[in-house]
Amino acid sequence: MVLRQSYRRTLVHKVGLVVVDPVRAFTDSAGVIGRIHGAVEFRPIRETVERLASFAATHKGPKVWVTSQYTPGQFTGGNLDEPLARLCTDPSSSDCVWDAELKPPADAVVVTKTSMDANSAPAFVDAVEAMVDEVDALFITGFWLTACVAATAASSTERLSGRTPVVIPLSLAATRLGLYDTADDHPPERDVALRLEELRRRGVVVCEYPGEWRSNLVGT
């Protein structure tokens, strides 16, 4: 037990931490998405916010906080009458405010992305490149698991090309409750099980808890 605790403390110092979209639109049931799906759907998200906030508070390595600014109709095929037509389009709106438990710490690099994939932002690429040689792994955490987290993890794995493992610890990333349920009415590309299977095929390390990532490396 003592060895495991010591290993977990060492691990925290040797990983780069990326927190994707910890803003009210994606974490608060009173936000735009929560008003569509309801508070129950946000239960796994709120539980993850607490775990991620606790992890981030003790993390001593390099870190990047990612937020979004999209254009009207970006995810609705240009239809401005859809409920999500203006998702994260106005930085001054309450939906774009950092979650109260996941505000970026003073030593975090803050990046604004304009698509689901944070690697589309040059500032994000620069931030990751600046840390890649000093960490053992890059943790991609935050919201939502099957959208921006998945897109960022997949492209980071491809871009880093084996230089550093890219890890999604599932206890630190989440999406709405229904996307974990195959009986829920949602697109296949948003299904958690299917998306995680795809990410594993693409080389992303998927584990349940942060301290388990090494045992999930291919070939170990």
Protein backbone atom coordinates (compact mmCIF):
# COMPACT_ATOMS: atom_id res chain seq x y z
CA MET A 1 0.00 0.00 0.00
CA VAL A 2 2.83 2.42 0.85
CA LEU A 3 4.49 1.72 -2.48
CA ARG A 4 1.25 2.35 -4.35
CA GLN A 5 0.70 5.67 -2.59
CA SER A 6 4.26 6.74 -3.32
CA TYR A 7 3.84 5.75 -6.97
CA ARG A 8 0.62 7.75 -7.24
CA ARG A 9 2.35 10.86 -5.86
CA THR A 10 5.23 10.45 -8.31
CA LEU A 11 2.78 9.95 -11.17
CA VAL A 12 1.06 13.26 -10.49
CA HIS A 13 4.38 15.07 -10.97
CA LYS A 14 5.15 13.34 -14.27
CA VAL A 15 2.03 13.84 -16.35
CA GLY A 16 0.87 16.78 -18.39
CA LEU A 17 -2.75 17.67 -17.66
CA VAL A 18 -5.20 18.93 -20.28
CA VAL A 19 -8.67 19.94 -19.09
CA VAL A 20 -11.10 20.34 -21.98
CA ASP A 21 -14.16 22.61 -21.78
CA PRO A 22 -14.69 22.92 -18.02
CA VAL A 23 -17.30 25.61 -18.68
CA ARG A 24 -20.95 25.79 -17.65
CA ALA A 25 -22.31 24.84 -21.08
CA PHE A 26 -20.81 21.37 -20.59
CA THR A 27 -20.76 20.96 -16.81
CA ASP A 28 -23.88 22.67 -15.46
CA SER A 29 -27.39 21.28 -15.84
CA ALA A 30 -28.62 24.89 -15.89
CA GLY A 31 -26.59 25.53 -19.04
CA VAL A 32 -27.77 25.29 -22.64
CA ILE A 33 -27.25 21.52 -22.97
CA GLY A 34 -28.63 20.78 -19.53
CA ARG A 35 -31.83 22.61 -20.37
CA ILE A 36 -32.29 20.20 -23.28
CA HIS A 37 -31.49 16.92 -21.52
CA GLY A 38 -32.28 17.62 -17.87
CA ALA A 39 -30.36 17.46 -14.60
CA VAL A 40 -30.35 13.65 -14.33
CA GLU A 41 -28.29 13.42 -17.52
CA PHE A 42 -25.62 15.58 -15.90
CA ARG A 43 -25.10 13.32 -12.88
CA PRO A 44 -21.91 11.64 -14.21
CA ILE A 45 -20.62 15.04 -15.29
CA ARG A 46 -21.05 16.62 -11.87
CA GLU A 47 -19.42 13.62 -10.19
CA THR A 48 -16.50 13.93 -12.61
CA VAL A 49 -16.17 17.66 -11.94
CA GLU A 50 -15.54 16.86 -8.28
CA ARG A 51 -12.96 14.18 -9.03
CA LEU A 52 -11.19 16.30 -11.63
CA ALA A 53 -11.09 19.33 -9.35
CA SER A 54 -9.51 17.20 -6.62
CA PHE A 55 -6.94 15.74 -9.01
CA ALA A 56 -6.06 19.13 -10.50
CA ALA A 57 -5.60 20.65 -7.06
CA THR A 58 -2.72 18.28 -6.31
CA HIS A 59 -1.24 18.19 -9.81
CA LYS A 60 2.22 19.77 -9.93
CA GLY A 61 3.11 19.23 -13.57
CA PRO A 62 2.39 21.37 -16.65
CA LYS A 63 -1.26 21.95 -17.42
CA VAL A 64 -3.51 23.37 -20.13
CA TRP A 65 -7.09 24.56 -19.72
CA VAL A 66 -9.12 24.59 -22.94
CA THR A 67 -12.25 26.57 -23.64
CA SER A 68 -14.24 27.05 -26.86
CA GLN A 69 -15.51 29.80 -29.08
CA TYR A 70 -17.64 28.63 -31.98
CA THR A 71 -19.54 30.37 -34.76
CA PRO A 72 -23.36 30.50 -34.87
CA GLY A 73 -24.78 27.36 -36.47
CA GLN A 74 -21.41 25.55 -36.45
CA PHE A 75 -22.93 22.32 -35.09
CA THR A 76 -26.44 22.70 -36.48
CA GLY A 77 -25.74 22.79 -40.19
CA GLY A 78 -26.20 26.54 -40.21
CA ASN A 79 -29.72 26.33 -38.78
CA LEU A 80 -29.88 29.16 -36.26
CA ASP A 81 -33.23 28.02 -34.88
CA GLU A 82 -31.78 24.89 -33.27
CA PRO A 83 -31.24 25.01 -29.48
CA LEU A 84 -27.48 24.50 -29.85
CA ALA A 85 -27.05 26.95 -32.71
CA ARG A 86 -25.27 29.44 -30.47
CA LEU A 87 -23.32 27.00 -28.32
CA CYS A 88 -20.26 28.83 -26.98
CA THR A 89 -20.55 31.64 -29.52
CA ASP A 90 -20.62 34.51 -27.03
CA PRO A 91 -17.66 34.57 -24.60
CA SER A 92 -19.60 36.88 -22.28
CA SER A 93 -22.51 34.47 -21.84
CA SER A 94 -23.00 32.45 -18.66
CA ASP A 95 -22.47 29.23 -20.63
CA CYS A 96 -18.86 30.24 -21.31
CA VAL A 97 -17.99 30.88 -17.67
CA TRP A 98 -15.54 28.45 -16.08
CA ASP A 99 -17.16 25.90 -13.79
CA ALA A 100 -16.77 27.20 -10.24
CA GLU A 101 -14.80 24.09 -9.25
CA LEU A 102 -12.55 24.02 -12.32
CA LYS A 103 -11.22 27.51 -12.82
CA PRO A 104 -7.75 27.47 -14.39
CA PRO A 105 -4.96 27.76 -11.82
CA ALA A 106 -2.39 30.52 -12.14
CA ASP A 107 0.21 28.22 -13.69
CA ALA A 108 -2.08 26.82 -16.40
CA VAL A 109 -1.86 27.75 -20.06
CA VAL A 110 -5.33 28.80 -21.23
CA VAL A 111 -6.25 28.05 -24.84
CA THR A 112 -9.37 28.83 -26.87
CA LYS A 113 -10.28 26.32 -29.56
CA THR A 114 -12.68 26.88 -32.45
CA SER A 115 -13.47 23.25 -33.24
CA MET A 116 -13.94 20.08 -31.21
CA ASP A 117 -10.26 19.21 -31.57
CA ALA A 118 -7.99 21.39 -29.42
CA ASN A 119 -5.11 20.60 -31.76
CA SER A 120 -6.76 22.92 -34.28
CA ALA A 121 -5.54 25.77 -32.05
CA PRO A 122 -1.84 26.57 -32.60
CA ALA A 123 -1.54 27.72 -28.99
CA PHE A 124 -2.58 24.26 -27.81
CA VAL A 125 -0.01 22.56 -30.02
CA ASP A 126 2.67 24.92 -28.70
CA ALA A 127 1.67 24.24 -25.09
CA VAL A 128 1.81 20.47 -25.55
CA GLU A 129 5.12 20.63 -27.40
CA ALA A 130 6.56 22.68 -24.54
CA MET A 131 5.74 19.94 -22.02
CA VAL A 132 6.12 16.74 -24.02
CA ASP A 133 9.78 16.12 -23.16
CA GLU A 134 9.29 16.59 -19.42
CA VAL A 135 6.31 14.29 -18.83
CA ASP A 136 5.75 10.55 -18.99
CA ALA A 137 2.19 10.89 -20.32
CA LEU A 138 -0.35 13.45 -21.46
CA PHE A 139 -3.72 13.21 -19.71
CA ILE A 140 -6.71 14.45 -21.71
CA THR A 141 -9.60 15.08 -19.32
CA GLY A 142 -12.81 17.08 -19.15
CA PHE A 143 -15.97 17.34 -21.20
CA TRP A 144 -17.49 15.91 -23.26
CA LEU A 145 -15.90 12.50 -23.37
CA THR A 146 -17.20 11.38 -26.76
CA ALA A 147 -16.82 14.76 -28.46
CA CYS A 148 -14.06 17.26 -27.66
CA VAL A 149 -12.12 15.02 -25.28
CA ALA A 150 -12.11 12.15 -27.78
CA ALA A 151 -11.24 14.37 -30.74
CA THR A 152 -8.36 16.00 -28.87
CA ALA A 153 -6.99 12.69 -27.59
CA ALA A 154 -7.14 11.03 -31.01
CA SER A 155 -5.37 13.86 -32.83
CA SER A 156 -2.81 14.28 -30.04
CA THR A 157 -1.94 10.58 -30.30
CA GLU A 158 -1.47 10.90 -34.04
CA ARG A 159 0.53 14.11 -33.81
CA LEU A 160 2.84 12.94 -31.02
CA SER A 161 3.36 9.65 -32.86
CA GLY A 162 4.63 7.60 -29.93
CA ARG A 163 6.76 10.31 -28.32
CA THR A 164 4.46 10.45 -25.29
CA PRO A 165 1.45 8.27 -24.41
CA VAL A 166 -1.87 10.08 -24.61
CA VAL A 167 -4.20 8.93 -21.85
CA ILE A 168 -7.90 9.36 -21.08
CA PRO A 169 -8.54 8.46 -17.43
CA LEU A 170 -12.27 7.76 -17.47
CA SER A 171 -12.73 8.91 -13.90
CA LEU A 172 -11.66 12.39 -15.06
CA ALA A 173 -13.70 12.70 -18.26
CA ALA A 174 -17.45 12.41 -18.81
CA THR A 175 -20.45 13.05 -20.96
CA ARG A 176 -24.20 12.94 -20.38
CA LEU A 177 -25.70 9.81 -18.83
CA GLY A 178 -27.62 8.60 -21.88
CA LEU A 179 -24.49 8.26 -24.02
CA TYR A 180 -23.31 5.42 -21.77
CA ASP A 181 -26.54 3.53 -22.55
CA THR A 182 -26.77 1.70 -25.86
CA ALA A 183 -30.58 1.87 -25.63
CA ASP A 184 -30.50 5.67 -25.61
CA ASP A 185 -31.35 7.41 -28.88
CA HIS A 186 -28.06 8.96 -29.97
CA PRO A 187 -25.70 8.82 -32.98
CA PRO A 188 -23.21 5.91 -32.95
CA GLU A 189 -20.28 8.34 -32.98
CA ARG A 190 -21.45 9.70 -29.62
CA ASP A 191 -21.84 6.28 -27.97
CA VAL A 192 -19.29 5.93 -25.17
CA ALA A 193 -18.48 2.24 -25.67
CA LEU A 194 -18.10 2.57 -29.45
CA ARG A 195 -16.05 5.74 -29.18
CA LEU A 196 -13.68 4.26 -26.61
CA GLU A 197 -13.19 1.18 -28.76
CA GLU A 198 -12.25 3.42 -31.67
CA LEU A 199 -9.86 5.47 -29.55
CA ARG A 200 -8.07 2.35 -28.33
CA ARG A 201 -7.65 1.21 -31.95
CA ARG A 202 -6.09 4.58 -32.73
CA GLY A 203 -3.56 4.22 -29.93
CA VAL A 204 -5.11 6.28 -27.15
CA VAL A 205 -4.51 4.77 -23.71
CA VAL A 206 -7.88 4.43 -21.98
CA CYS A 207 -7.94 3.54 -18.28
CA GLU A 208 -10.37 3.91 -15.42
CA TYR A 209 -8.16 5.80 -12.95
CA PRO A 210 -5.09 8.01 -13.37
CA GLY A 211 -2.73 5.60 -11.57
CA GLU A 212 -3.58 2.73 -13.94
CA TRP A 213 -2.36 4.17 -17.23
CA ARG A 214 0.97 2.31 -17.38
CA SER A 215 -0.72 -1.08 -17.13
CA ASN A 216 -2.91 -0.16 -20.10
CA LEU A 217 -0.05 0.58 -22.46
CA VAL A 218 -0.02 -1.68 -25.52
CA GLY A 219 2.57 -4.41 -25.09
CA THR A 220 2.73 -4.22 -21.29
